[in-house]
């Protein structure tokens, strides 16, 4: 029997490593993540946002993950960025391992209220499930940015504050906390646009203030060195999405360019799957000091 996600997170903190969280949109992404996990013998979290869940199917992705767990593989399922209590209830009822209630664009009070409702429902229905919340806006879309999205930056004014984070976690009872510490969803088109620089000291302060493991969103585009420093300061889970999507697209482009007459999907899709798997393997190795 495999350990629970809670146990793997605790173990990651003790070892000063991080669990990789990778978003998928279809079966290609699913097997790219799973194959990387198998190859490196490491736990992984598969993330599916509201849009990704609508595309794949809530019950369908849950069934796939359950099959892997039955085979002893440490693959866990997270309902990424969920924007309503109703959608949280859907994945709690479905038996997901974790979910993120995202009220980062709301006022502190509205975010607090929505998160408390989500945690209360989880506790009454599936108490072993993990609920994560986000405080501090870091953008929403996993895409290639020309400039910093409005409201998201690395200046101190928009970073998550120690006092607010402490109050938020205490009042809501969340299991994981995702702060704004200079991270941002997506990647910069112009690498000279430096909005991916993390505030490592703020991570350390927030981990101590909240008393719960921290999650780093918007991992795509962050340097290897910053990842290592962030993990050492208190990050236990790291989200990667844009890098995977980019590898998917580039793999398809290479396939169509190299074999324009190929019509067998399992052949022209393979470079996309392999490209995503390579990204996942690279990130898992880095996060686990391999």
C-alpha atoms as a PDB file:
ATOM      1  CA  UNK A   1       0.000   0.000   0.000  1.00  0.00           C
ATOM      2  CA  UNK A   2       1.393   3.402  -0.961  1.00  0.00           C
ATOM      3  CA  UNK A   3       1.801   6.227   1.508  1.00  0.00           C
ATOM      4  CA  UNK A   4      -0.711   9.048   1.536  1.00  0.00           C
ATOM      5  CA  UNK A   5      -0.033  12.411  -0.072  1.00  0.00           C
ATOM      6  CA  UNK A   6       0.177  13.938   3.409  1.00  0.00           C
ATOM      7  CA  UNK A   7       2.921  11.488   4.295  1.00  0.00           C
ATOM      8  CA  UNK A   8       4.851  12.231   1.108  1.00  0.00           C
ATOM      9  CA  UNK A   9       4.616  15.981   1.769  1.00  0.00           C
ATOM     10  CA  UNK A  10       5.886  15.526   5.322  1.00  0.00           C
ATOM     11  CA  UNK A  11       8.704  13.363   4.016  1.00  0.00           C
ATOM     12  CA  UNK A  12       9.601  15.983   1.412  1.00  0.00           C
ATOM     13  CA  UNK A  13       9.885  18.646   4.112  1.00  0.00           C
ATOM     14  CA  UNK A  14      12.117  16.442   6.212  1.00  0.00           C
ATOM     15  CA  UNK A  15      14.386  15.655   3.264  1.00  0.00           C
ATOM     16  CA  UNK A  16      14.412  19.258   1.993  1.00  0.00           C
ATOM     17  CA  UNK A  17      13.049  18.242  -1.401  1.00  0.00           C
ATOM     18  CA  UNK A  18       9.842  19.113  -3.237  1.00  0.00           C
ATOM     19  CA  UNK A  19       7.093  17.091  -4.889  1.00  0.00           C
ATOM     20  CA  UNK A  20       6.553  17.959  -8.529  1.00  0.00           C
ATOM     21  CA  UNK A  21       3.030  19.005  -9.551  1.00  0.00           C
ATOM     22  CA  UNK A  22       2.375  18.855 -13.305  1.00  0.00           C
ATOM     23  CA  UNK A  23      -0.771  19.930 -15.103  1.00  0.00           C
ATOM     24  CA  UNK A  24      -2.189  17.838 -17.913  1.00  0.00           C
ATOM     25  CA  UNK A  25      -4.868  18.379 -20.543  1.00  0.00           C
ATOM     26  CA  UNK A  26      -5.151  14.909 -22.074  1.00  0.00           C
ATOM     27  CA  UNK A  27      -3.830  11.344 -22.029  1.00  0.00           C
ATOM     28  CA  UNK A  28      -0.514  12.391 -23.625  1.00  0.00           C
ATOM     29  CA  UNK A  29       0.277  14.622 -20.692  1.00  0.00           C
ATOM     30  CA  UNK A  30      -0.987  12.015 -18.256  1.00  0.00           C
ATOM     31  CA  UNK A  31       1.378   9.317 -19.502  1.00  0.00           C
ATOM     32  CA  UNK A  32       4.261  11.773 -19.807  1.00  0.00           C
ATOM     33  CA  UNK A  33       3.990  12.498 -16.069  1.00  0.00           C
ATOM     34  CA  UNK A  34       3.337   8.887 -15.083  1.00  0.00           C
ATOM     35  CA  UNK A  35       6.232   7.533 -17.140  1.00  0.00           C
ATOM     36  CA  UNK A  36       8.596  10.079 -15.597  1.00  0.00           C
ATOM     37  CA  UNK A  37       7.422   9.107 -12.118  1.00  0.00           C
ATOM     38  CA  UNK A  38       8.010   5.435 -12.882  1.00  0.00           C
ATOM     39  CA  UNK A  39      11.445   6.038 -14.379  1.00  0.00           C
ATOM     40  CA  UNK A  40      12.714   8.068 -11.427  1.00  0.00           C
ATOM     41  CA  UNK A  41      10.717   6.198  -8.772  1.00  0.00           C
ATOM     42  CA  UNK A  42       9.326   9.422  -7.330  1.00  0.00           C
ATOM     43  CA  UNK A  43       5.875  10.564  -6.217  1.00  0.00           C
ATOM     44  CA  UNK A  44       4.100  13.067  -8.458  1.00  0.00           C
ATOM     45  CA  UNK A  45       0.957  15.143  -8.345  1.00  0.00           C
ATOM     46  CA  UNK A  46      -1.142  15.423 -11.490  1.00  0.00           C
ATOM     47  CA  UNK A  47      -2.966  18.738 -11.619  1.00  0.00           C
ATOM     48  CA  UNK A  48      -6.148  19.477 -13.520  1.00  0.00           C
ATOM     49  CA  UNK A  49      -7.635  22.968 -13.522  1.00  0.00           C
ATOM     50  CA  UNK A  50     -11.350  23.628 -13.963  1.00  0.00           C
ATOM     51  CA  UNK A  51     -10.878  23.892 -17.725  1.00  0.00           C
ATOM     52  CA  UNK A  52      -8.712  20.793 -17.875  1.00  0.00           C
ATOM     53  CA  UNK A  53     -11.246  18.850 -15.798  1.00  0.00           C
ATOM     54  CA  UNK A  54     -14.023  19.889 -18.141  1.00  0.00           C
ATOM     55  CA  UNK A  55     -11.975  18.661 -21.093  1.00  0.00           C
ATOM     56  CA  UNK A  56     -10.829  15.345 -19.595  1.00  0.00           C
ATOM     57  CA  UNK A  57     -13.705  14.525 -17.270  1.00  0.00           C
ATOM     58  CA  UNK A  58     -13.630  14.486 -13.464  1.00  0.00           C
ATOM     59  CA  UNK A  59     -14.595  10.832 -13.080  1.00  0.00           C
ATOM     60  CA  UNK A  60     -12.408   9.743 -15.972  1.00  0.00           C
ATOM     61  CA  UNK A  61      -9.158  11.222 -14.632  1.00  0.00           C
ATOM     62  CA  UNK A  62      -9.966   9.943 -11.136  1.00  0.00           C
ATOM     63  CA  UNK A  63     -10.421   6.407 -12.508  1.00  0.00           C
ATOM     64  CA  UNK A  64      -7.072   6.541 -14.298  1.00  0.00           C
ATOM     65  CA  UNK A  65      -5.237   7.644 -11.160  1.00  0.00           C
ATOM     66  CA  UNK A  66      -6.987   5.012  -9.043  1.00  0.00           C
ATOM     67  CA  UNK A  67      -5.775   2.327 -11.430  1.00  0.00           C
ATOM     68  CA  UNK A  68      -2.183   3.456 -10.956  1.00  0.00           C
ATOM     69  CA  UNK A  69      -2.526   3.558  -7.173  1.00  0.00           C
ATOM     70  CA  UNK A  70      -3.869   0.010  -7.244  1.00  0.00           C
ATOM     71  CA  UNK A  71      -0.603  -0.945  -8.929  1.00  0.00           C
ATOM     72  CA  UNK A  72       1.364   0.744  -6.139  1.00  0.00           C
ATOM     73  CA  UNK A  73       2.385   3.886  -8.010  1.00  0.00           C
ATOM     74  CA  UNK A  74       2.583   7.115  -5.938  1.00  0.00           C
ATOM     75  CA  UNK A  75       0.568   9.268  -8.336  1.00  0.00           C
ATOM     76  CA  UNK A  76      -1.846  11.745  -6.766  1.00  0.00           C
ATOM     77  CA  UNK A  77      -4.630  13.907  -8.181  1.00  0.00           C
ATOM     78  CA  UNK A  78      -5.136  17.600  -7.473  1.00  0.00           C
ATOM     79  CA  UNK A  79      -7.979  19.863  -8.564  1.00  0.00           C
ATOM     80  CA  UNK A  80      -5.888  22.874  -9.480  1.00  0.00           C
ATOM     81  CA  UNK A  81      -7.194  26.472  -9.297  1.00  0.00           C
ATOM     82  CA  UNK A  82     -10.842  26.031  -8.366  1.00  0.00           C
ATOM     83  CA  UNK A  83     -12.852  29.217  -8.128  1.00  0.00           C
ATOM     84  CA  UNK A  84     -16.061  28.265  -6.306  1.00  0.00           C
ATOM     85  CA  UNK A  85     -17.206  26.163  -3.379  1.00  0.00           C
ATOM     86  CA  UNK A  86     -19.539  24.284  -5.727  1.00  0.00           C
ATOM     87  CA  UNK A  87     -16.598  23.115  -7.854  1.00  0.00           C
ATOM     88  CA  UNK A  88     -14.683  22.164  -4.708  1.00  0.00           C
ATOM     89  CA  UNK A  89     -17.606  20.009  -3.594  1.00  0.00           C
ATOM     90  CA  UNK A  90     -17.541  18.234  -6.960  1.00  0.00           C
ATOM     91  CA  UNK A  91     -13.940  17.070  -6.557  1.00  0.00           C
ATOM     92  CA  UNK A  92     -14.310  16.328  -2.841  1.00  0.00           C
ATOM     93  CA  UNK A  93     -17.232  14.058  -3.671  1.00  0.00           C
ATOM     94  CA  UNK A  94     -15.233  12.498  -6.509  1.00  0.00           C
ATOM     95  CA  UNK A  95     -12.443  11.569  -4.073  1.00  0.00           C
ATOM     96  CA  UNK A  96      -9.555  13.689  -5.351  1.00  0.00           C
ATOM     97  CA  UNK A  97      -6.444  13.684  -3.192  1.00  0.00           C
ATOM     98  CA  UNK A  98      -6.266  17.471  -3.036  1.00  0.00           C
ATOM     99  CA  UNK A  99      -7.846  20.679  -4.295  1.00  0.00           C
ATOM    100  CA  UNK A 100      -6.994  24.372  -4.436  1.00  0.00           C
ATOM    101  CA  UNK A 101      -9.670  26.897  -3.628  1.00  0.00           C
ATOM    102  CA  UNK A 102      -8.445  30.032  -5.370  1.00  0.00           C
ATOM    103  CA  UNK A 103      -9.874  33.300  -4.113  1.00  0.00           C
ATOM    104  CA  UNK A 104      -6.680  35.266  -4.707  1.00  0.00           C
ATOM    105  CA  UNK A 105      -8.475  37.881  -6.825  1.00  0.00           C
ATOM    106  CA  UNK A 106     -11.133  38.412  -4.155  1.00  0.00           C
ATOM    107  CA  UNK A 107     -10.884  40.579  -1.077  1.00  0.00           C
ATOM    108  CA  UNK A 108      -9.189  39.063   1.966  1.00  0.00           C
ATOM    109  CA  UNK A 109     -12.569  38.622   3.660  1.00  0.00           C
ATOM    110  CA  UNK A 110     -14.220  36.975   0.625  1.00  0.00           C
ATOM    111  CA  UNK A 111     -11.253  34.677   0.099  1.00  0.00           C
ATOM    112  CA  UNK A 112     -11.321  33.726   3.784  1.00  0.00           C
ATOM    113  CA  UNK A 113     -15.063  32.974   3.712  1.00  0.00           C
ATOM    114  CA  UNK A 114     -14.894  30.831   0.574  1.00  0.00           C
ATOM    115  CA  UNK A 115     -11.877  28.915   1.850  1.00  0.00           C
ATOM    116  CA  UNK A 116     -13.490  28.227   5.241  1.00  0.00           C
ATOM    117  CA  UNK A 117     -16.573  26.837   3.503  1.00  0.00           C
ATOM    118  CA  UNK A 118     -14.410  24.595   1.326  1.00  0.00           C
ATOM    119  CA  UNK A 119     -12.434  23.246   4.277  1.00  0.00           C
ATOM    120  CA  UNK A 120     -15.603  22.653   6.294  1.00  0.00           C
ATOM    121  CA  UNK A 121     -17.170  20.642   3.467  1.00  0.00           C
ATOM    122  CA  UNK A 122     -14.002  18.625   3.000  1.00  0.00           C
ATOM    123  CA  UNK A 123     -13.789  17.879   6.710  1.00  0.00           C
ATOM    124  CA  UNK A 124     -17.378  16.652   6.796  1.00  0.00           C
ATOM    125  CA  UNK A 125     -17.112  14.544   3.644  1.00  0.00           C
ATOM    126  CA  UNK A 126     -13.525  13.435   3.023  1.00  0.00           C
ATOM    127  CA  UNK A 127     -11.294  14.549   5.921  1.00  0.00           C
ATOM    128  CA  UNK A 128      -8.167  12.882   4.542  1.00  0.00           C
ATOM    129  CA  UNK A 129      -8.273  15.100   1.475  1.00  0.00           C
ATOM    130  CA  UNK A 130      -5.942  18.112   1.347  1.00  0.00           C
ATOM    131  CA  UNK A 131      -7.210  21.647   0.781  1.00  0.00           C
ATOM    132  CA  UNK A 132      -4.863  24.395  -0.373  1.00  0.00           C
ATOM    133  CA  UNK A 133      -5.561  28.106  -0.581  1.00  0.00           C
ATOM    134  CA  UNK A 134      -3.824  31.023  -2.263  1.00  0.00           C
ATOM    135  CA  UNK A 135      -3.237  34.516  -0.945  1.00  0.00           C
ATOM    136  CA  UNK A 136      -1.596  37.111  -3.144  1.00  0.00           C
ATOM    137  CA  UNK A 137      -2.243  37.424  -6.872  1.00  0.00           C
ATOM    138  CA  UNK A 138       0.284  35.910  -9.293  1.00  0.00           C
ATOM    139  CA  UNK A 139      -1.692  35.977 -12.543  1.00  0.00           C
ATOM    140  CA  UNK A 140      -4.038  33.306 -13.835  1.00  0.00           C
ATOM    141  CA  UNK A 141      -3.081  31.979 -17.235  1.00  0.00           C
ATOM    142  CA  UNK A 142      -0.289  29.532 -18.099  1.00  0.00           C
ATOM    143  CA  UNK A 143       0.966  31.182 -21.275  1.00  0.00           C
ATOM    144  CA  UNK A 144       3.887  33.120 -22.720  1.00  0.00           C
ATOM    145  CA  UNK A 145       3.726  36.727 -21.491  1.00  0.00           C
ATOM    146  CA  UNK A 146       5.027  39.842 -23.239  1.00  0.00           C
ATOM    147  CA  UNK A 147       4.855  41.750 -19.967  1.00  0.00           C
ATOM    148  CA  UNK A 148       3.880  41.264 -16.351  1.00  0.00           C
ATOM    149  CA  UNK A 149       0.110  40.707 -15.880  1.00  0.00           C
ATOM    150  CA  UNK A 150      -1.659  43.473 -13.994  1.00  0.00           C
ATOM    151  CA  UNK A 151      -1.503  42.903 -10.247  1.00  0.00           C
ATOM    152  CA  UNK A 152       1.332  40.396 -10.347  1.00  0.00           C
ATOM    153  CA  UNK A 153       4.953  41.359  -9.794  1.00  0.00           C
ATOM    154  CA  UNK A 154       7.874  40.862  -7.471  1.00  0.00           C
ATOM    155  CA  UNK A 155       7.641  44.205  -5.665  1.00  0.00           C
ATOM    156  CA  UNK A 156       7.096  44.045  -1.921  1.00  0.00           C
ATOM    157  CA  UNK A 157       3.728  45.746  -2.251  1.00  0.00           C
ATOM    158  CA  UNK A 158       2.114  42.711  -3.895  1.00  0.00           C
ATOM    159  CA  UNK A 159       3.887  39.905  -2.028  1.00  0.00           C
ATOM    160  CA  UNK A 160       1.952  37.910   0.552  1.00  0.00           C
ATOM    161  CA  UNK A 161       2.259  39.490   4.000  1.00  0.00           C
ATOM    162  CA  UNK A 162       3.305  37.534   7.078  1.00  0.00           C
ATOM    163  CA  UNK A 163       0.467  38.752   9.304  1.00  0.00           C
ATOM    164  CA  UNK A 164      -2.244  38.142   6.736  1.00  0.00           C
ATOM    165  CA  UNK A 165      -0.900  34.696   5.887  1.00  0.00           C
ATOM    166  CA  UNK A 166      -0.793  33.678   9.537  1.00  0.00           C
ATOM    167  CA  UNK A 167      -4.344  34.881  10.162  1.00  0.00           C
ATOM    168  CA  UNK A 168      -5.639  33.295   6.955  1.00  0.00           C
ATOM    169  CA  UNK A 169      -4.249  29.830   7.658  1.00  0.00           C
ATOM    170  CA  UNK A 170      -5.314  29.898  11.306  1.00  0.00           C
ATOM    171  CA  UNK A 171      -8.873  30.983  10.478  1.00  0.00           C
ATOM    172  CA  UNK A 172      -9.416  28.619   7.549  1.00  0.00           C
ATOM    173  CA  UNK A 173      -7.592  25.481   8.666  1.00  0.00           C
ATOM    174  CA  UNK A 174      -6.114  24.819   5.221  1.00  0.00           C
ATOM    175  CA  UNK A 175      -3.502  22.087   4.832  1.00  0.00           C
ATOM    176  CA  UNK A 176      -1.303  23.856   2.277  1.00  0.00           C
ATOM    177  CA  UNK A 177      -0.683  27.507   1.492  1.00  0.00           C
ATOM    178  CA  UNK A 178       0.298  29.096  -1.830  1.00  0.00           C
ATOM    179  CA  UNK A 179       1.811  32.570  -1.440  1.00  0.00           C
ATOM    180  CA  UNK A 180       2.876  35.279  -3.856  1.00  0.00           C
ATOM    181  CA  UNK A 181       6.646  35.466  -3.403  1.00  0.00           C
ATOM    182  CA  UNK A 182       7.755  36.858  -6.763  1.00  0.00           C
ATOM    183  CA  UNK A 183       6.404  33.901  -8.738  1.00  0.00           C
ATOM    184  CA  UNK A 184       3.960  34.225 -11.615  1.00  0.00           C
ATOM    185  CA  UNK A 185       1.941  31.926 -13.813  1.00  0.00           C
ATOM    186  CA  UNK A 186       3.297  31.535 -17.331  1.00  0.00           C
ATOM    187  CA  UNK A 187       6.700  32.425 -18.759  1.00  0.00           C
ATOM    188  CA  UNK A 188       8.280  35.617 -20.037  1.00  0.00           C
ATOM    189  CA  UNK A 189       8.717  35.886 -23.791  1.00  0.00           C
ATOM    190  CA  UNK A 190      11.537  38.356 -23.225  1.00  0.00           C
ATOM    191  CA  UNK A 191      13.813  36.691 -20.679  1.00  0.00           C
ATOM    192  CA  UNK A 192      15.130  40.126 -19.694  1.00  0.00           C
ATOM    193  CA  UNK A 193      11.725  40.798 -18.132  1.00  0.00           C
ATOM    194  CA  UNK A 194      12.728  39.712 -14.641  1.00  0.00           C
ATOM    195  CA  UNK A 195       9.469  39.046 -12.837  1.00  0.00           C
ATOM    196  CA  UNK A 196      10.328  35.500 -11.892  1.00  0.00           C
ATOM    197  CA  UNK A 197      12.829  36.386  -9.193  1.00  0.00           C
ATOM    198  CA  UNK A 198      11.731  34.816  -5.939  1.00  0.00           C
ATOM    199  CA  UNK A 199      11.894  36.447  -2.539  1.00  0.00           C
ATOM    200  CA  UNK A 200      13.527  33.573  -0.662  1.00  0.00           C
ATOM    201  CA  UNK A 201      13.459  35.297   2.704  1.00  0.00           C
ATOM    202  CA  UNK A 202       9.718  35.900   2.349  1.00  0.00           C
ATOM    203  CA  UNK A 203       9.224  32.164   1.727  1.00  0.00           C
ATOM    204  CA  UNK A 204      11.135  31.379   4.921  1.00  0.00           C
ATOM    205  CA  UNK A 205       9.125  33.900   6.930  1.00  0.00           C
ATOM    206  CA  UNK A 206       5.776  32.655   5.587  1.00  0.00           C
ATOM    207  CA  UNK A 207       6.580  29.001   6.267  1.00  0.00           C
ATOM    208  CA  UNK A 208       7.299  29.820   9.884  1.00  0.00           C
ATOM    209  CA  UNK A 209       4.303  32.131  10.236  1.00  0.00           C
ATOM    210  CA  UNK A 210       1.714  29.772   8.722  1.00  0.00           C
ATOM    211  CA  UNK A 211       2.928  26.489  10.163  1.00  0.00           C
ATOM    212  CA  UNK A 212       1.877  24.559   7.042  1.00  0.00           C
ATOM    213  CA  UNK A 213       3.814  23.403   3.955  1.00  0.00           C
ATOM    214  CA  UNK A 214       4.064  25.965   1.156  1.00  0.00           C
ATOM    215  CA  UNK A 215       3.315  25.487  -2.533  1.00  0.00           C
ATOM    216  CA  UNK A 216       5.066  27.380  -5.308  1.00  0.00           C
ATOM    217  CA  UNK A 217       2.830  28.120  -8.275  1.00  0.00           C
ATOM    218  CA  UNK A 218       4.088  29.476 -11.584  1.00  0.00           C
ATOM    219  CA  UNK A 219       7.247  27.384 -11.555  1.00  0.00           C
ATOM    220  CA  UNK A 220       7.835  27.583 -15.307  1.00  0.00           C
ATOM    221  CA  UNK A 221      10.680  29.962 -16.109  1.00  0.00           C
ATOM    222  CA  UNK A 222      12.206  30.054 -12.626  1.00  0.00           C
ATOM    223  CA  UNK A 223      15.933  29.309 -12.505  1.00  0.00           C
ATOM    224  CA  UNK A 224      17.306  26.069 -11.092  1.00  0.00           C
ATOM    225  CA  UNK A 225      19.173  27.918  -8.381  1.00  0.00           C
ATOM    226  CA  UNK A 226      16.058  29.743  -7.237  1.00  0.00           C
ATOM    227  CA  UNK A 227      14.163  26.453  -7.083  1.00  0.00           C
ATOM    228  CA  UNK A 228      16.812  24.999  -4.787  1.00  0.00           C
ATOM    229  CA  UNK A 229      16.799  28.055  -2.545  1.00  0.00           C
ATOM    230  CA  UNK A 230      12.987  28.070  -2.416  1.00  0.00           C
ATOM    231  CA  UNK A 231      12.868  24.409  -1.390  1.00  0.00           C
ATOM    232  CA  UNK A 232      15.412  25.041   1.328  1.00  0.00           C
ATOM    233  CA  UNK A 233      13.332  27.953   2.609  1.00  0.00           C
ATOM    234  CA  UNK A 234      10.090  25.985   2.920  1.00  0.00           C
ATOM    235  CA  UNK A 235       8.548  25.105  -0.461  1.00  0.00           C
ATOM    236  CA  UNK A 236       7.319  21.491  -0.515  1.00  0.00           C
ATOM    237  CA  UNK A 237       5.357  21.343  -3.790  1.00  0.00           C
ATOM    238  CA  UNK A 238       6.202  23.060  -7.091  1.00  0.00           C
ATOM    239  CA  UNK A 239       3.767  23.561  -9.971  1.00  0.00           C
ATOM    240  CA  UNK A 240       4.886  23.299 -13.589  1.00  0.00           C
ATOM    241  CA  UNK A 241       2.487  23.819 -16.488  1.00  0.00           C
ATOM    242  CA  UNK A 242       3.616  26.287 -19.167  1.00  0.00           C
ATOM    243  CA  UNK A 243       6.877  24.410 -19.799  1.00  0.00           C
ATOM    244  CA  UNK A 244       4.891  21.238 -20.431  1.00  0.00           C
ATOM    245  CA  UNK A 245       2.471  22.940 -22.793  1.00  0.00           C
ATOM    246  CA  UNK A 246       5.355  24.453 -24.707  1.00  0.00           C
ATOM    247  CA  UNK A 247       7.062  21.046 -25.024  1.00  0.00           C
ATOM    248  CA  UNK A 248       3.768  19.566 -26.263  1.00  0.00           C
ATOM    249  CA  UNK A 249       3.417  22.185 -28.978  1.00  0.00           C
ATOM    250  CA  UNK A 250       7.055  21.990 -30.043  1.00  0.00           C
ATOM    251  CA  UNK A 251       6.874  18.201 -30.241  1.00  0.00           C
ATOM    252  CA  UNK A 252       3.877  18.384 -32.539  1.00  0.00           C
ATOM    253  CA  UNK A 253       5.527  21.022 -34.694  1.00  0.00           C
ATOM    254  CA  UNK A 254       8.633  18.854 -35.098  1.00  0.00           C
ATOM    255  CA  UNK A 255       6.504  15.839 -35.904  1.00  0.00           C
ATOM    256  CA  UNK A 256       4.493  17.589 -38.610  1.00  0.00           C
ATOM    257  CA  UNK A 257       7.638  19.158 -40.048  1.00  0.00           C
ATOM    258  CA  UNK A 258       9.677  15.941 -40.089  1.00  0.00           C
ATOM    259  CA  UNK A 259       6.852  13.629 -41.202  1.00  0.00           C
ATOM    260  CA  UNK A 260       4.261  15.736 -43.045  1.00  0.00           C
ATOM    261  CA  UNK A 261       2.602  12.683 -44.607  1.00  0.00           C
ATOM    262  CA  UNK A 262       2.185  10.724 -41.367  1.00  0.00           C
ATOM    263  CA  UNK A 263      -1.481  10.230 -40.450  1.00  0.00           C
ATOM    264  CA  UNK A 264      -1.250   7.677 -37.609  1.00  0.00           C
ATOM    265  CA  UNK A 265      -1.955   9.672 -34.406  1.00  0.00           C
ATOM    266  CA  UNK A 266       0.100   7.404 -32.149  1.00  0.00           C
ATOM    267  CA  UNK A 267       3.094   8.118 -34.362  1.00  0.00           C
ATOM    268  CA  UNK A 268       2.821  11.872 -34.853  1.00  0.00           C
ATOM    269  CA  UNK A 269       1.805  12.427 -31.213  1.00  0.00           C
ATOM    270  CA  UNK A 270       4.727  10.506 -29.732  1.00  0.00           C
ATOM    271  CA  UNK A 271       7.282  13.375 -29.978  1.00  0.00           C
ATOM    272  CA  UNK A 272       4.864  15.569 -28.023  1.00  0.00           C
ATOM    273  CA  UNK A 273       4.501  12.982 -25.269  1.00  0.00           C
ATOM    274  CA  UNK A 274       8.238  12.353 -25.149  1.00  0.00           C
ATOM    275  CA  UNK A 275       8.977  16.073 -25.031  1.00  0.00           C
ATOM    276  CA  UNK A 276       6.673  16.553 -22.059  1.00  0.00           C
ATOM    277  CA  UNK A 277       8.162  13.555 -20.286  1.00  0.00           C
ATOM    278  CA  UNK A 278      11.648  15.008 -20.696  1.00  0.00           C
ATOM    279  CA  UNK A 279      10.526  18.241 -19.015  1.00  0.00           C
ATOM    280  CA  UNK A 280       8.916  16.356 -16.139  1.00  0.00           C
ATOM    281  CA  UNK A 281      11.990  14.173 -15.615  1.00  0.00           C
ATOM    282  CA  UNK A 282      14.292  17.184 -15.583  1.00  0.00           C
ATOM    283  CA  UNK A 283      12.159  19.011 -13.026  1.00  0.00           C
ATOM    284  CA  UNK A 284      11.654  15.965 -10.794  1.00  0.00           C
ATOM    285  CA  UNK A 285      15.393  15.338 -10.758  1.00  0.00           C
ATOM    286  CA  UNK A 286      16.094  18.935  -9.779  1.00  0.00           C
ATOM    287  CA  UNK A 287      13.411  19.083  -7.070  1.00  0.00           C
ATOM    288  CA  UNK A 288      14.725  15.840  -5.531  1.00  0.00           C
ATOM    289  CA  UNK A 289      18.480  16.514  -5.771  1.00  0.00           C
ATOM    290  CA  UNK A 290      19.067  13.644  -8.186  1.00  0.00           C
END
